[in-house]
Amino acid sequence: MSTEIKSTTVESKRTTTELQPYKDAEVLRELYIEDGHTQTEIAEFYNIDQSTVHYWLNKYGISDEEAGE
C-alpha cells in the first residue's frame, strides 16, 4: 500500500522551474533581454520582490547592459 502512495507522490511532483519560472535562465533571458521587460515588471508579473528577480538575473550572468538599461 505504501508503494502506491509513494508512486503517486513522485508522479505529481513538478520541477522548481515549472512552479517558479522566474528561476529559469531561459525564461528570464526572454523576458528581460528579448522582450525588454524591467526587473520590476517581471517581479510584479510573478508577484515577487524585484530583488528576487535581480538575484536570479545575477546568478545566471544576465546583465543590465544586455537589456539596454
C-alpha atoms as a PDB file:
ATOM      1  CA  MET A   1       0.000   0.000   0.000  1.00  0.00           C
ATOM      2  CA  SER A   2       2.781   2.474   0.815  1.00  0.00           C
ATOM      3  CA  THR A   3       4.281   1.796  -2.623  1.00  0.00           C
ATOM      4  CA  GLU A   4       1.148   3.156  -4.324  1.00  0.00           C
ATOM      5  CA  ILE A   5       1.219   6.339  -2.282  1.00  0.00           C
ATOM      6  CA  LYS A   6       4.904   6.877  -2.944  1.00  0.00           C
ATOM      7  CA  SER A   7       4.481   6.277  -6.677  1.00  0.00           C
ATOM      8  CA  THR A   8       1.600   8.745  -6.889  1.00  0.00           C
ATOM      9  CA  THR A   9       3.543  11.360  -4.941  1.00  0.00           C
ATOM     10  CA  VAL A  10       6.576  11.088  -7.225  1.00  0.00           C
ATOM     11  CA  GLU A  11       4.448  11.372 -10.357  1.00  0.00           C
ATOM     12  CA  SER A  12       2.688  14.502  -9.114  1.00  0.00           C
ATOM     13  CA  LYS A  13       5.859  16.440  -8.253  1.00  0.00           C
ATOM     14  CA  ARG A  14       6.799  19.302 -10.525  1.00  0.00           C
ATOM     15  CA  THR A  15      10.170  20.825 -11.111  1.00  0.00           C
ATOM     16  CA  THR A  16      11.094  24.071  -9.402  1.00  0.00           C
ATOM     17  CA  THR A  17      11.142  25.975 -12.683  1.00  0.00           C
ATOM     18  CA  GLU A  18       7.622  24.796 -13.530  1.00  0.00           C
ATOM     19  CA  LEU A  19       6.345  26.206 -10.259  1.00  0.00           C
ATOM     20  CA  GLN A  20       8.666  29.215 -10.201  1.00  0.00           C
ATOM     21  CA  PRO A  21       9.541  30.046 -13.828  1.00  0.00           C
ATOM     22  CA  TYR A  22      11.447  33.188 -12.815  1.00  0.00           C
ATOM     23  CA  LYS A  23      14.198  30.814 -11.630  1.00  0.00           C
ATOM     24  CA  ASP A  24      14.731  29.569 -15.188  1.00  0.00           C
ATOM     25  CA  ALA A  25      17.571  31.262 -17.103  1.00  0.00           C
ATOM     26  CA  GLU A  26      15.803  30.928 -20.460  1.00  0.00           C
ATOM     27  CA  VAL A  27      12.595  32.469 -19.146  1.00  0.00           C
ATOM     28  CA  LEU A  28      14.482  35.372 -17.586  1.00  0.00           C
ATOM     29  CA  ARG A  29      16.589  35.968 -20.685  1.00  0.00           C
ATOM     30  CA  GLU A  30      13.459  36.022 -22.862  1.00  0.00           C
ATOM     31  CA  LEU A  31      11.541  38.397 -20.604  1.00  0.00           C
ATOM     32  CA  TYR A  32      14.441  40.675 -19.694  1.00  0.00           C
ATOM     33  CA  ILE A  33      16.620  40.743 -22.817  1.00  0.00           C
ATOM     34  CA  GLU A  34      14.415  39.764 -25.744  1.00  0.00           C
ATOM     35  CA  ASP A  35      11.097  41.279 -24.614  1.00  0.00           C
ATOM     36  CA  GLY A  36      12.685  44.240 -22.810  1.00  0.00           C
ATOM     37  CA  HIS A  37      10.725  43.987 -19.557  1.00  0.00           C
ATOM     38  CA  THR A  38      12.180  45.647 -16.485  1.00  0.00           C
ATOM     39  CA  GLN A  39      13.045  43.767 -13.309  1.00  0.00           C
ATOM     40  CA  THR A  40      10.104  45.481 -11.643  1.00  0.00           C
ATOM     41  CA  GLU A  41       7.685  44.373 -14.364  1.00  0.00           C
ATOM     42  CA  ILE A  42       8.898  40.778 -14.124  1.00  0.00           C
ATOM     43  CA  ALA A  43       8.603  40.888 -10.333  1.00  0.00           C
ATOM     44  CA  GLU A  44       5.058  42.258 -10.470  1.00  0.00           C
ATOM     45  CA  PHE A  45       4.027  39.616 -13.017  1.00  0.00           C
ATOM     46  CA  TYR A  46       5.241  36.765 -10.785  1.00  0.00           C
ATOM     47  CA  ASN A  47       4.167  38.516  -7.568  1.00  0.00           C
ATOM     48  CA  ILE A  48       7.690  38.510  -6.142  1.00  0.00           C
ATOM     49  CA  ASP A  49      10.105  41.189  -4.994  1.00  0.00           C
ATOM     50  CA  GLN A  50      12.322  42.964  -7.525  1.00  0.00           C
ATOM     51  CA  SER A  51      15.377  41.884  -5.528  1.00  0.00           C
ATOM     52  CA  THR A  52      14.463  38.251  -6.243  1.00  0.00           C
ATOM     53  CA  VAL A  53      14.478  38.924  -9.980  1.00  0.00           C
ATOM     54  CA  HIS A  54      17.789  40.754  -9.583  1.00  0.00           C
ATOM     55  CA  TYR A  55      19.246  37.787  -7.677  1.00  0.00           C
ATOM     56  CA  TRP A  56      18.359  35.278 -10.394  1.00  0.00           C
ATOM     57  CA  LEU A  57      19.497  37.541 -13.226  1.00  0.00           C
ATOM     58  CA  ASN A  58      22.799  37.999 -11.425  1.00  0.00           C
ATOM     59  CA  LYS A  59      23.108  34.262 -10.722  1.00  0.00           C
ATOM     60  CA  TYR A  60      22.775  33.483 -14.435  1.00  0.00           C
ATOM     61  CA  GLY A  61      25.020  36.349 -15.547  1.00  0.00           C
ATOM     62  CA  ILE A  62      22.236  38.201 -17.341  1.00  0.00           C
ATOM     63  CA  SER A  63      23.330  41.821 -17.189  1.00  0.00           C
ATOM     64  CA  ASP A  64      21.710  45.222 -17.428  1.00  0.00           C
ATOM     65  CA  GLU A  65      23.970  46.020 -20.396  1.00  0.00           C
ATOM     66  CA  GLU A  66      22.413  43.180 -22.379  1.00  0.00           C
ATOM     67  CA  ALA A  67      18.972  44.597 -21.678  1.00  0.00           C
ATOM     68  CA  GLY A  68      19.986  48.121 -22.571  1.00  0.00           C
ATOM     69  CA  GLU A  69      19.207  49.544 -19.124  1.00  0.00           C
END
